[in-house]
Amino acid sequence: MRIGIHSFVESTNLEGAIQQVVKAEEEGFDSFWFGQTLGADVMTAIALAGQRTERIEIGVAVVPTYSRHPFAMAQQALTVQAATGGRFTLGIGPSHRPLIEGMWGLSYDRSAQHVREYLSVLRDLVQNGHASLSGELYRVSGALQLAGAQPCSILVSALAPMMLRIAGKLSDGTITWMTGPRTVETHIVPRISAAAEAAGRPSPRVCVALPIAVTADVDDARQRAARIFQMYGHLPNYRRVLDREGVSGPEDVAIVGGERDVEAALRALAAVGATDFLAVMFAAEDDRRQSIARTREFLRDLVGNV
């Protein structure tokens, strides 16, 4: 199982974002991922980071689809792919109703149909440079003018059964969040794998992102995780996978404990089909810097050994 770091760009301090990627490459991590929320445009940050790194995979997990037409997304993704020398992975997803409807004033109805049609157009543009679709939500026909463009990998934030079928059929895999090992094993992996096999596609990537902290005080760490990640327990998309896992909140799927316990949890994820672990490190002690450093150092030592 590959091990990467997941972070966010919450300001216009792009140099700071670039340095995060540079440091991760120097430390030997397999990948570095930025989440796209309401901060800076992370695909721009990734393009810049690609100019300062040589090996590490750099991805976005994930860009909301509703904010960018698939033509615009394809143009930007292929440009970032060129800037990174072929090391960019594009993660997309429909995001959540409160953002799409409450903030952007768009309809979140039929979100799975939206993703299916969006992904159909995006995939054809990225892979072939042209797309034609007369769908219920998108009616597009045209081509890009990007000579020599190299396709990038596309992943989908698929959690529900229909979304997993779409991801398996049309993309290279999924990126999960707040999804515990039981749900990865019994729900995520079998559904997306079956869809990929039926479509004649390669085995999909299953990138599992979870909060993580190496610490001696597990109870306190879970209490901290409950506060830090509490909003995710109320969003319906994540609430469903938490309920499927049989837990009360994000603190129960966070990976916390001593080195031996954390390593066992990561090996268990690999055993049930996770191809990548995306570490969302959080401070489990009052000394934030020291706490994060302990987790990061331990994860670095596990790269290539899980």
C-alpha atoms as a PDB file:
ATOM      1  CA  MET A   1       0.000   0.000   0.000  1.00  0.00           C
ATOM      2  CA  ARG A   2       1.343   3.400  -1.007  1.00  0.00           C
ATOM      3  CA  ILE A   3       1.481   6.093   1.671  1.00  0.00           C
ATOM      4  CA  GLY A   4       0.835   9.749   0.973  1.00  0.00           C
ATOM      5  CA  ILE A   5       0.065  12.937   2.856  1.00  0.00           C
ATOM      6  CA  HIS A   6      -3.158  14.903   2.526  1.00  0.00           C
ATOM      7  CA  SER A   7      -3.277  18.610   3.314  1.00  0.00           C
ATOM      8  CA  PHE A   8      -5.151  21.800   2.456  1.00  0.00           C
ATOM      9  CA  VAL A   9      -4.200  25.175   1.002  1.00  0.00           C
ATOM     10  CA  GLU A  10      -6.143  27.612   3.134  1.00  0.00           C
ATOM     11  CA  SER A  11      -4.435  30.836   2.064  1.00  0.00           C
ATOM     12  CA  THR A  12      -2.647  32.356  -0.911  1.00  0.00           C
ATOM     13  CA  ASN A  13       0.709  31.330   0.558  1.00  0.00           C
ATOM     14  CA  LEU A  14       1.555  29.190  -2.435  1.00  0.00           C
ATOM     15  CA  GLU A  15       5.226  28.975  -1.511  1.00  0.00           C
ATOM     16  CA  GLY A  16       4.216  27.278   1.712  1.00  0.00           C
ATOM     17  CA  ALA A  17       2.110  24.786  -0.220  1.00  0.00           C
ATOM     18  CA  ILE A  18       4.961  24.066  -2.623  1.00  0.00           C
ATOM     19  CA  GLN A  19       7.351  23.486   0.258  1.00  0.00           C
ATOM     20  CA  GLN A  20       4.984  20.888   1.710  1.00  0.00           C
ATOM     21  CA  VAL A  21       5.305  18.864  -1.488  1.00  0.00           C
ATOM     22  CA  VAL A  22       9.059  19.363  -1.718  1.00  0.00           C
ATOM     23  CA  LYS A  23       9.485  18.148   1.868  1.00  0.00           C
ATOM     24  CA  ALA A  24       7.259  15.117   1.290  1.00  0.00           C
ATOM     25  CA  GLU A  25       9.342  14.121  -1.724  1.00  0.00           C
ATOM     26  CA  GLU A  26      12.586  14.554   0.216  1.00  0.00           C
ATOM     27  CA  GLU A  27      11.212  12.326   2.967  1.00  0.00           C
ATOM     28  CA  GLY A  28      10.315   9.600   0.492  1.00  0.00           C
ATOM     29  CA  PHE A  29       6.519   9.680   0.614  1.00  0.00           C
ATOM     30  CA  ASP A  30       4.763   8.145  -2.367  1.00  0.00           C
ATOM     31  CA  SER A  31       2.311  10.977  -2.910  1.00  0.00           C
ATOM     32  CA  PHE A  32       1.031  14.339  -1.730  1.00  0.00           C
ATOM     33  CA  TRP A  33      -2.604  15.411  -2.012  1.00  0.00           C
ATOM     34  CA  PHE A  34      -4.341  18.757  -1.607  1.00  0.00           C
ATOM     35  CA  GLY A  35      -8.001  19.112  -0.759  1.00  0.00           C
ATOM     36  CA  GLN A  36      -9.963  21.749  -2.668  1.00  0.00           C
ATOM     37  CA  THR A  37     -12.275  23.631  -0.331  1.00  0.00           C
ATOM     38  CA  LEU A  38     -12.729  27.403  -0.220  1.00  0.00           C
ATOM     39  CA  GLY A  39      -9.066  28.384  -0.228  1.00  0.00           C
ATOM     40  CA  ALA A  40      -6.598  28.872  -3.057  1.00  0.00           C
ATOM     41  CA  ASP A  41      -6.904  26.944  -6.314  1.00  0.00           C
ATOM     42  CA  VAL A  42      -4.891  23.822  -5.542  1.00  0.00           C
ATOM     43  CA  MET A  43      -4.406  22.745  -9.147  1.00  0.00           C
ATOM     44  CA  THR A  44      -2.405  25.926  -9.640  1.00  0.00           C
ATOM     45  CA  ALA A  45      -0.386  25.078  -6.535  1.00  0.00           C
ATOM     46  CA  ILE A  46       0.224  21.557  -7.856  1.00  0.00           C
ATOM     47  CA  ALA A  47       1.449  22.894 -11.203  1.00  0.00           C
ATOM     48  CA  LEU A  48       3.942  25.088  -9.365  1.00  0.00           C
ATOM     49  CA  ALA A  49       5.018  22.246  -7.075  1.00  0.00           C
ATOM     50  CA  GLY A  50       5.588  20.078 -10.115  1.00  0.00           C
ATOM     51  CA  GLN A  51       8.317  22.445 -11.225  1.00  0.00           C
ATOM     52  CA  ARG A  52      10.180  21.956  -7.939  1.00  0.00           C
ATOM     53  CA  THR A  53       9.887  18.178  -7.599  1.00  0.00           C
ATOM     54  CA  GLU A  54      10.889  15.196  -9.700  1.00  0.00           C
ATOM     55  CA  ARG A  55       9.381  11.955  -8.402  1.00  0.00           C
ATOM     56  CA  ILE A  56       6.403  12.301  -6.100  1.00  0.00           C
ATOM     57  CA  GLU A  57       2.816  11.870  -7.309  1.00  0.00           C
ATOM     58  CA  ILE A  58       0.793  15.031  -6.667  1.00  0.00           C
ATOM     59  CA  GLY A  59      -2.975  14.864  -6.566  1.00  0.00           C
ATOM     60  CA  VAL A  60      -6.088  16.782  -5.670  1.00  0.00           C
ATOM     61  CA  ALA A  61      -8.663  15.089  -3.476  1.00  0.00           C
ATOM     62  CA  VAL A  62     -11.026  16.383  -4.580  1.00  0.00           C
ATOM     63  CA  VAL A  63     -12.213  19.186  -6.892  1.00  0.00           C
ATOM     64  CA  PRO A  64     -15.999  19.792  -6.767  1.00  0.00           C
ATOM     65  CA  THR A  65     -17.430  19.137 -10.213  1.00  0.00           C
ATOM     66  CA  TYR A  66     -20.242  21.684 -10.116  1.00  0.00           C
ATOM     67  CA  SER A  67     -17.865  24.658 -10.090  1.00  0.00           C
ATOM     68  CA  ARG A  68     -16.057  23.782 -13.341  1.00  0.00           C
ATOM     69  CA  HIS A  69     -17.403  22.659 -16.696  1.00  0.00           C
ATOM     70  CA  PRO A  70     -15.765  19.373 -17.781  1.00  0.00           C
ATOM     71  CA  PHE A  71     -14.092  21.191 -20.696  1.00  0.00           C
ATOM     72  CA  ALA A  72     -12.500  23.672 -18.279  1.00  0.00           C
ATOM     73  CA  MET A  73     -11.562  20.867 -15.899  1.00  0.00           C
ATOM     74  CA  ALA A  74      -9.918  18.884 -18.695  1.00  0.00           C
ATOM     75  CA  GLN A  75      -7.970  21.911 -19.932  1.00  0.00           C
ATOM     76  CA  GLN A  76      -6.631  22.644 -16.474  1.00  0.00           C
ATOM     77  CA  ALA A  77      -5.923  19.001 -15.618  1.00  0.00           C
ATOM     78  CA  LEU A  78      -3.929  18.372 -18.783  1.00  0.00           C
ATOM     79  CA  THR A  79      -1.983  21.577 -18.249  1.00  0.00           C
ATOM     80  CA  VAL A  80      -1.147  20.538 -14.673  1.00  0.00           C
ATOM     81  CA  GLN A  81      -0.180  17.083 -15.961  1.00  0.00           C
ATOM     82  CA  ALA A  82       2.318  18.726 -18.295  1.00  0.00           C
ATOM     83  CA  ALA A  83       3.660  20.960 -15.521  1.00  0.00           C
ATOM     84  CA  THR A  84       4.264  17.961 -13.247  1.00  0.00           C
ATOM     85  CA  GLY A  85       5.858  15.824 -15.920  1.00  0.00           C
ATOM     86  CA  GLY A  86       3.058  13.267 -15.822  1.00  0.00           C
ATOM     87  CA  ARG A  87       2.755  12.980 -12.023  1.00  0.00           C
ATOM     88  CA  PHE A  88      -0.673  14.558 -11.526  1.00  0.00           C
ATOM     89  CA  THR A  89      -3.786  12.688 -10.389  1.00  0.00           C
ATOM     90  CA  LEU A  90      -7.147  14.415 -10.642  1.00  0.00           C
ATOM     91  CA  GLY A  91      -9.720  13.576  -7.988  1.00  0.00           C
ATOM     92  CA  ILE A  92     -13.249  14.856  -8.579  1.00  0.00           C
ATOM     93  CA  GLY A  93     -16.533  14.662  -6.723  1.00  0.00           C
ATOM     94  CA  PRO A  94     -19.934  16.306  -6.418  1.00  0.00           C
ATOM     95  CA  SER A  95     -19.193  17.690  -2.937  1.00  0.00           C
ATOM     96  CA  HIS A  96     -22.194  18.267  -0.644  1.00  0.00           C
ATOM     97  CA  ARG A  97     -25.626  19.833  -0.831  1.00  0.00           C
ATOM     98  CA  PRO A  98     -24.913  22.634   1.711  1.00  0.00           C
ATOM     99  CA  LEU A  99     -22.079  23.929  -0.494  1.00  0.00           C
ATOM    100  CA  ILE A 100     -23.640  23.376  -3.907  1.00  0.00           C
ATOM    101  CA  GLU A 101     -27.094  24.685  -3.051  1.00  0.00           C
ATOM    102  CA  GLY A 102     -26.555  26.763   0.084  1.00  0.00           C
ATOM    103  CA  MET A 103     -23.483  28.685  -1.080  1.00  0.00           C
ATOM    104  CA  TRP A 104     -23.394  28.396  -4.869  1.00  0.00           C
ATOM    105  CA  GLY A 105     -27.127  28.401  -5.558  1.00  0.00           C
ATOM    106  CA  LEU A 106     -27.000  25.356  -7.848  1.00  0.00           C
ATOM    107  CA  SER A 107     -29.174  22.265  -7.765  1.00  0.00           C
ATOM    108  CA  TYR A 108     -27.739  19.159  -6.097  1.00  0.00           C
ATOM    109  CA  ASP A 109     -30.569  16.966  -7.347  1.00  0.00           C
ATOM    110  CA  ARG A 110     -29.566  13.930  -9.414  1.00  0.00           C
ATOM    111  CA  SER A 111     -25.962  14.256  -8.298  1.00  0.00           C
ATOM    112  CA  ALA A 112     -25.091  10.724  -9.419  1.00  0.00           C
ATOM    113  CA  GLN A 113     -26.436  11.407 -12.922  1.00  0.00           C
ATOM    114  CA  HIS A 114     -24.475  14.630 -12.931  1.00  0.00           C
ATOM    115  CA  VAL A 115     -21.253  12.759 -12.065  1.00  0.00           C
ATOM    116  CA  ARG A 116     -21.915  10.051 -14.660  1.00  0.00           C
ATOM    117  CA  GLU A 117     -22.333  12.523 -17.505  1.00  0.00           C
ATOM    118  CA  TYR A 118     -19.605  14.845 -16.245  1.00  0.00           C
ATOM    119  CA  LEU A 119     -17.131  12.000 -15.986  1.00  0.00           C
ATOM    120  CA  SER A 120     -18.040  10.665 -19.422  1.00  0.00           C
ATOM    121  CA  VAL A 121     -17.191  14.016 -20.994  1.00  0.00           C
ATOM    122  CA  LEU A 122     -14.113  14.618 -18.844  1.00  0.00           C
ATOM    123  CA  ARG A 123     -12.663  11.167 -19.459  1.00  0.00           C
ATOM    124  CA  ASP A 124     -13.008  11.435 -23.227  1.00  0.00           C
ATOM    125  CA  LEU A 125     -11.428  14.879 -23.254  1.00  0.00           C
ATOM    126  CA  VAL A 126      -8.519  13.819 -21.064  1.00  0.00           C
ATOM    127  CA  GLN A 127      -7.863  10.549 -22.877  1.00  0.00           C
ATOM    128  CA  ASN A 128      -8.747  11.438 -26.460  1.00  0.00           C
ATOM    129  CA  GLY A 129      -8.892  15.216 -26.662  1.00  0.00           C
ATOM    130  CA  HIS A 130     -12.508  15.303 -27.832  1.00  0.00           C
ATOM    131  CA  ALA A 131     -15.949  14.447 -26.462  1.00  0.00           C
ATOM    132  CA  SER A 132     -19.517  14.214 -27.658  1.00  0.00           C
ATOM    133  CA  LEU A 133     -22.444  13.568 -25.336  1.00  0.00           C
ATOM    134  CA  SER A 134     -26.149  14.241 -25.615  1.00  0.00           C
ATOM    135  CA  GLY A 135     -27.204  13.569 -22.073  1.00  0.00           C
ATOM    136  CA  GLU A 136     -29.935  14.736 -19.757  1.00  0.00           C
ATOM    137  CA  LEU A 137     -27.707  17.278 -18.016  1.00  0.00           C
ATOM    138  CA  TYR A 138     -24.810  17.830 -20.434  1.00  0.00           C
ATOM    139  CA  ARG A 139     -25.037  18.284 -24.194  1.00  0.00           C
ATOM    140  CA  VAL A 140     -21.536  18.851 -25.439  1.00  0.00           C
ATOM    141  CA  SER A 141     -19.536  18.267 -28.586  1.00  0.00           C
ATOM    142  CA  GLY A 142     -16.043  19.550 -29.235  1.00  0.00           C
ATOM    143  CA  ALA A 143     -12.313  19.069 -28.979  1.00  0.00           C
ATOM    144  CA  LEU A 144      -9.379  20.529 -27.099  1.00  0.00           C
ATOM    145  CA  GLN A 145      -6.394  22.079 -28.830  1.00  0.00           C
ATOM    146  CA  LEU A 146      -3.588  20.743 -26.655  1.00  0.00           C
ATOM    147  CA  ALA A 147      -1.027  19.090 -28.906  1.00  0.00           C
ATOM    148  CA  GLY A 148       1.030  16.431 -27.164  1.00  0.00           C
ATOM    149  CA  ALA A 149      -1.184  16.334 -24.073  1.00  0.00           C
ATOM    150  CA  GLN A 150      -0.541  13.338 -21.802  1.00  0.00           C
ATOM    151  CA  PRO A 151      -3.651  11.918 -20.081  1.00  0.00           C
ATOM    152  CA  CYS A 152      -3.774  12.052 -16.299  1.00  0.00           C
ATOM    153  CA  SER A 153      -5.393   9.564 -13.954  1.00  0.00           C
ATOM    154  CA  ILE A 154      -8.928  10.400 -12.772  1.00  0.00           C
ATOM    155  CA  LEU A 155     -10.366   9.267  -9.428  1.00  0.00           C
ATOM    156  CA  VAL A 156     -13.837   9.852  -7.997  1.00  0.00           C
ATOM    157  CA  SER A 157     -14.958  10.448  -4.411  1.00  0.00           C
ATOM    158  CA  ALA A 158     -17.365   7.524  -4.574  1.00  0.00           C
ATOM    159  CA  LEU A 159     -19.031   6.227  -1.410  1.00  0.00           C
ATOM    160  CA  ALA A 160     -22.608   5.242  -2.319  1.00  0.00           C
ATOM    161  CA  PRO A 161     -23.401   2.124  -4.391  1.00  0.00           C
ATOM    162  CA  MET A 162     -24.368   4.023  -7.539  1.00  0.00           C
ATOM    163  CA  MET A 163     -21.321   6.273  -7.331  1.00  0.00           C
ATOM    164  CA  LEU A 164     -19.055   3.261  -6.877  1.00  0.00           C
ATOM    165  CA  ARG A 165     -20.517   1.683 -10.016  1.00  0.00           C
ATOM    166  CA  ILE A 166     -19.901   4.897 -11.948  1.00  0.00           C
ATOM    167  CA  ALA A 167     -16.352   5.174 -10.619  1.00  0.00           C
ATOM    168  CA  GLY A 168     -15.544   1.571 -11.442  1.00  0.00           C
ATOM    169  CA  LYS A 169     -16.903   1.869 -14.961  1.00  0.00           C
ATOM    170  CA  LEU A 170     -15.551   5.270 -15.957  1.00  0.00           C
ATOM    171  CA  SER A 171     -12.592   6.183 -13.746  1.00  0.00           C
ATOM    172  CA  ASP A 172      -9.347   4.804 -12.355  1.00  0.00           C
ATOM    173  CA  GLY A 173     -10.609   4.397  -8.805  1.00  0.00           C
ATOM    174  CA  THR A 174     -11.994   6.112  -5.748  1.00  0.00           C
ATOM    175  CA  ILE A 175     -10.875   8.356  -2.908  1.00  0.00           C
ATOM    176  CA  THR A 176     -12.720   7.799   0.375  1.00  0.00           C
ATOM    177  CA  TRP A 177     -12.949   9.913   3.516  1.00  0.00           C
ATOM    178  CA  MET A 178     -14.339   8.943   6.910  1.00  0.00           C
ATOM    179  CA  THR A 179     -14.637   5.354   5.700  1.00  0.00           C
ATOM    180  CA  GLY A 180     -13.509   2.670   8.116  1.00  0.00           C
ATOM    181  CA  PRO A 181     -11.860  -0.692   7.352  1.00  0.00           C
ATOM    182  CA  ARG A 182     -15.036  -2.783   7.587  1.00  0.00           C
ATOM    183  CA  THR A 183     -16.771  -0.564   5.036  1.00  0.00           C
ATOM    184  CA  VAL A 184     -13.720  -0.562   2.768  1.00  0.00           C
ATOM    185  CA  GLU A 185     -13.683  -4.367   2.833  1.00  0.00           C
ATOM    186  CA  THR A 186     -17.394  -5.136   2.505  1.00  0.00           C
ATOM    187  CA  HIS A 187     -18.692  -2.194   0.509  1.00  0.00           C
ATOM    188  CA  ILE A 188     -16.096  -0.026  -1.264  1.00  0.00           C
ATOM    189  CA  VAL A 189     -13.682  -2.610  -2.668  1.00  0.00           C
ATOM    190  CA  PRO A 190     -16.172  -5.248  -3.849  1.00  0.00           C
ATOM    191  CA  ARG A 191     -18.546  -2.784  -5.519  1.00  0.00           C
ATOM    192  CA  ILE A 192     -15.984  -0.704  -7.383  1.00  0.00           C
ATOM    193  CA  SER A 193     -13.948  -3.773  -8.324  1.00  0.00           C
ATOM    194  CA  ALA A 194     -16.994  -5.559  -9.742  1.00  0.00           C
ATOM    195  CA  ALA A 195     -17.935  -2.484 -11.787  1.00  0.00           C
ATOM    196  CA  ALA A 196     -14.410  -2.155 -13.168  1.00  0.00           C
ATOM    197  CA  GLU A 197     -14.243  -5.831 -14.067  1.00  0.00           C
ATOM    198  CA  ALA A 198     -17.627  -5.710 -15.816  1.00  0.00           C
ATOM    199  CA  ALA A 199     -16.416  -2.739 -17.854  1.00  0.00           C
ATOM    200  CA  GLY A 200     -13.173  -4.482 -18.789  1.00  0.00           C
ATOM    201  CA  ARG A 201     -11.086  -1.966 -16.864  1.00  0.00           C
ATOM    202  CA  PRO A 202      -8.006  -2.601 -14.700  1.00  0.00           C
ATOM    203  CA  SER A 203      -8.362  -3.106 -10.960  1.00  0.00           C
ATOM    204  CA  PRO A 204      -9.229   0.295  -9.488  1.00  0.00           C
ATOM    205  CA  ARG A 205      -7.231   2.274  -6.990  1.00  0.00           C
ATOM    206  CA  VAL A 206      -8.821   2.590  -3.579  1.00  0.00           C
ATOM    207  CA  CYS A 207      -7.302   5.608  -1.849  1.00  0.00           C
ATOM    208  CA  VAL A 208      -8.361   5.715   1.794  1.00  0.00           C
ATOM    209  CA  ALA A 209      -7.996   9.037   3.591  1.00  0.00           C
ATOM    210  CA  LEU A 210      -8.384   9.069   7.370  1.00  0.00           C
ATOM    211  CA  PRO A 211      -7.306  11.173  10.337  1.00  0.00           C
ATOM    212  CA  ILE A 212      -4.196   9.735  11.972  1.00  0.00           C
ATOM    213  CA  ALA A 213      -2.082  10.413  15.045  1.00  0.00           C
ATOM    214  CA  VAL A 214       0.619   8.408  16.783  1.00  0.00           C
ATOM    215  CA  THR A 215       0.169   8.921  20.519  1.00  0.00           C
ATOM    216  CA  ALA A 216       0.199   7.174  23.865  1.00  0.00           C
ATOM    217  CA  ASP A 217      -3.077   8.755  25.021  1.00  0.00           C
ATOM    218  CA  VAL A 218      -5.711   7.185  22.773  1.00  0.00           C
ATOM    219  CA  ASP A 219      -8.740   8.473  24.669  1.00  0.00           C
ATOM    220  CA  ASP A 220      -7.554  12.070  24.562  1.00  0.00           C
ATOM    221  CA  ALA A 221      -6.651  11.735  20.881  1.00  0.00           C
ATOM    222  CA  ARG A 222     -10.151  10.521  20.029  1.00  0.00           C
ATOM    223  CA  GLN A 223     -11.664  13.417  21.956  1.00  0.00           C
ATOM    224  CA  ARG A 224      -9.504  15.819  19.975  1.00  0.00           C
ATOM    225  CA  ALA A 225     -10.476  14.107  16.726  1.00  0.00           C
ATOM    226  CA  ALA A 226     -14.149  14.417  17.667  1.00  0.00           C
ATOM    227  CA  ARG A 227     -13.737  18.202  17.963  1.00  0.00           C
ATOM    228  CA  ILE A 228     -11.516  18.715  14.928  1.00  0.00           C
ATOM    229  CA  PHE A 229     -13.548  16.584  12.500  1.00  0.00           C
ATOM    230  CA  GLN A 230     -17.033  16.936  13.985  1.00  0.00           C
ATOM    231  CA  MET A 231     -18.550  18.600  10.895  1.00  0.00           C
ATOM    232  CA  TYR A 232     -17.968  15.464   8.815  1.00  0.00           C
ATOM    233  CA  GLY A 233     -20.208  13.451  11.103  1.00  0.00           C
ATOM    234  CA  HIS A 234     -23.140  15.650  10.083  1.00  0.00           C
ATOM    235  CA  LEU A 235     -22.722  15.635   6.313  1.00  0.00           C
ATOM    236  CA  PRO A 236     -25.065  12.968   4.872  1.00  0.00           C
ATOM    237  CA  ASN A 237     -22.512  11.453   2.495  1.00  0.00           C
ATOM    238  CA  TYR A 238     -20.107  10.735   5.344  1.00  0.00           C
ATOM    239  CA  ARG A 239     -22.803   9.973   7.893  1.00  0.00           C
ATOM    240  CA  ARG A 240     -23.921   7.047   5.742  1.00  0.00           C
ATOM    241  CA  VAL A 241     -20.489   5.400   5.704  1.00  0.00           C
ATOM    242  CA  LEU A 242     -20.024   6.050   9.421  1.00  0.00           C
ATOM    243  CA  ASP A 243     -23.363   4.342  10.057  1.00  0.00           C
ATOM    244  CA  ARG A 244     -22.371   1.491   7.763  1.00  0.00           C
ATOM    245  CA  GLU A 245     -19.187   1.095   9.803  1.00  0.00           C
ATOM    246  CA  GLY A 246     -21.291   1.028  12.970  1.00  0.00           C
ATOM    247  CA  VAL A 247     -19.581   3.957  14.697  1.00  0.00           C
ATOM    248  CA  SER A 248     -20.845   7.138  16.251  1.00  0.00           C
ATOM    249  CA  GLY A 249     -18.529   9.690  14.679  1.00  0.00           C
ATOM    250  CA  PRO A 250     -15.260  10.577  12.920  1.00  0.00           C
ATOM    251  CA  GLU A 251     -13.273   9.964  16.089  1.00  0.00           C
ATOM    252  CA  ASP A 252     -14.086   6.264  15.843  1.00  0.00           C
ATOM    253  CA  VAL A 253     -12.557   5.798  12.380  1.00  0.00           C
ATOM    254  CA  ALA A 254      -9.501   7.938  13.130  1.00  0.00           C
ATOM    255  CA  ILE A 255      -6.325   5.857  13.355  1.00  0.00           C
ATOM    256  CA  VAL A 256      -4.791   6.633  16.745  1.00  0.00           C
ATOM    257  CA  GLY A 257      -2.481   4.848  19.141  1.00  0.00           C
ATOM    258  CA  GLY A 258       1.116   3.853  19.596  1.00  0.00           C
ATOM    259  CA  GLU A 259       3.381   2.894  16.733  1.00  0.00           C
ATOM    260  CA  ARG A 260       2.527  -0.798  16.918  1.00  0.00           C
ATOM    261  CA  ASP A 261      -1.238  -0.193  16.896  1.00  0.00           C
ATOM    262  CA  VAL A 262      -1.086   2.340  14.069  1.00  0.00           C
ATOM    263  CA  GLU A 263       1.027   0.022  11.959  1.00  0.00           C
ATOM    264  CA  ALA A 264      -1.450  -2.812  12.563  1.00  0.00           C
ATOM    265  CA  ALA A 265      -4.347  -0.580  11.492  1.00  0.00           C
ATOM    266  CA  LEU A 266      -2.578   0.410   8.269  1.00  0.00           C
ATOM    267  CA  ARG A 267      -1.691  -3.187   7.475  1.00  0.00           C
ATOM    268  CA  ALA A 268      -5.319  -4.120   8.042  1.00  0.00           C
ATOM    269  CA  LEU A 269      -6.395  -1.497   5.489  1.00  0.00           C
ATOM    270  CA  ALA A 270      -3.925  -2.869   2.969  1.00  0.00           C
ATOM    271  CA  ALA A 271      -5.185  -6.395   3.606  1.00  0.00           C
ATOM    272  CA  VAL A 272      -8.790  -5.476   2.753  1.00  0.00           C
ATOM    273  CA  GLY A 273      -7.898  -3.800  -0.538  1.00  0.00           C
ATOM    274  CA  ALA A 274      -6.751  -0.238   0.104  1.00  0.00           C
ATOM    275  CA  THR A 275      -4.097   0.575  -2.499  1.00  0.00           C
ATOM    276  CA  ASP A 276      -3.192   3.962  -1.019  1.00  0.00           C
ATOM    277  CA  PHE A 277      -3.384   5.577   2.402  1.00  0.00           C
ATOM    278  CA  LEU A 278      -3.767   9.349   2.478  1.00  0.00           C
ATOM    279  CA  ALA A 279      -2.712  10.561   5.909  1.00  0.00           C
ATOM    280  CA  VAL A 280      -4.611  13.490   7.381  1.00  0.00           C
ATOM    281  CA  MET A 281      -2.380  14.108  10.383  1.00  0.00           C
ATOM    282  CA  PHE A 282      -3.779  15.918  13.401  1.00  0.00           C
ATOM    283  CA  ALA A 283      -2.285  17.013  16.701  1.00  0.00           C
ATOM    284  CA  ALA A 284      -3.066  14.519  19.454  1.00  0.00           C
ATOM    285  CA  GLU A 285      -1.182  16.452  22.117  1.00  0.00           C
ATOM    286  CA  ASP A 286      -0.849  20.071  23.243  1.00  0.00           C
ATOM    287  CA  ASP A 287       2.497  20.434  21.495  1.00  0.00           C
ATOM    288  CA  ARG A 288       1.070  20.416  17.970  1.00  0.00           C
ATOM    289  CA  ARG A 289       4.392  20.508  16.143  1.00  0.00           C
ATOM    290  CA  GLN A 290       5.893  17.657  18.144  1.00  0.00           C
ATOM    291  CA  SER A 291       2.745  15.542  17.809  1.00  0.00           C
ATOM    292  CA  ILE A 292       2.555  15.928  14.032  1.00  0.00           C
ATOM    293  CA  ALA A 293       6.293  15.303  13.713  1.00  0.00           C
ATOM    294  CA  ARG A 294       6.001  11.993  15.582  1.00  0.00           C
ATOM    295  CA  THR A 295       3.239  10.787  13.289  1.00  0.00           C
ATOM    296  CA  ARG A 296       4.998  11.979  10.167  1.00  0.00           C
ATOM    297  CA  GLU A 297       8.290  10.324  11.087  1.00  0.00           C
ATOM    298  CA  PHE A 298       6.564   7.028  11.769  1.00  0.00           C
ATOM    299  CA  LEU A 299       4.665   7.113   8.490  1.00  0.00           C
ATOM    300  CA  ARG A 300       7.843   7.946   6.607  1.00  0.00           C
ATOM    301  CA  ASP A 301       9.470   4.813   7.996  1.00  0.00           C
ATOM    302  CA  LEU A 302       6.516   2.720   6.800  1.00  0.00           C
ATOM    303  CA  VAL A 303       6.700   3.849   3.168  1.00  0.00           C
ATOM    304  CA  GLY A 304       7.380   0.810   1.033  1.00  0.00           C
ATOM    305  CA  ASN A 305       6.854  -1.545   3.957  1.00  0.00           C
ATOM    306  CA  VAL A 306       3.074  -1.931   4.207  1.00  0.00           C
END
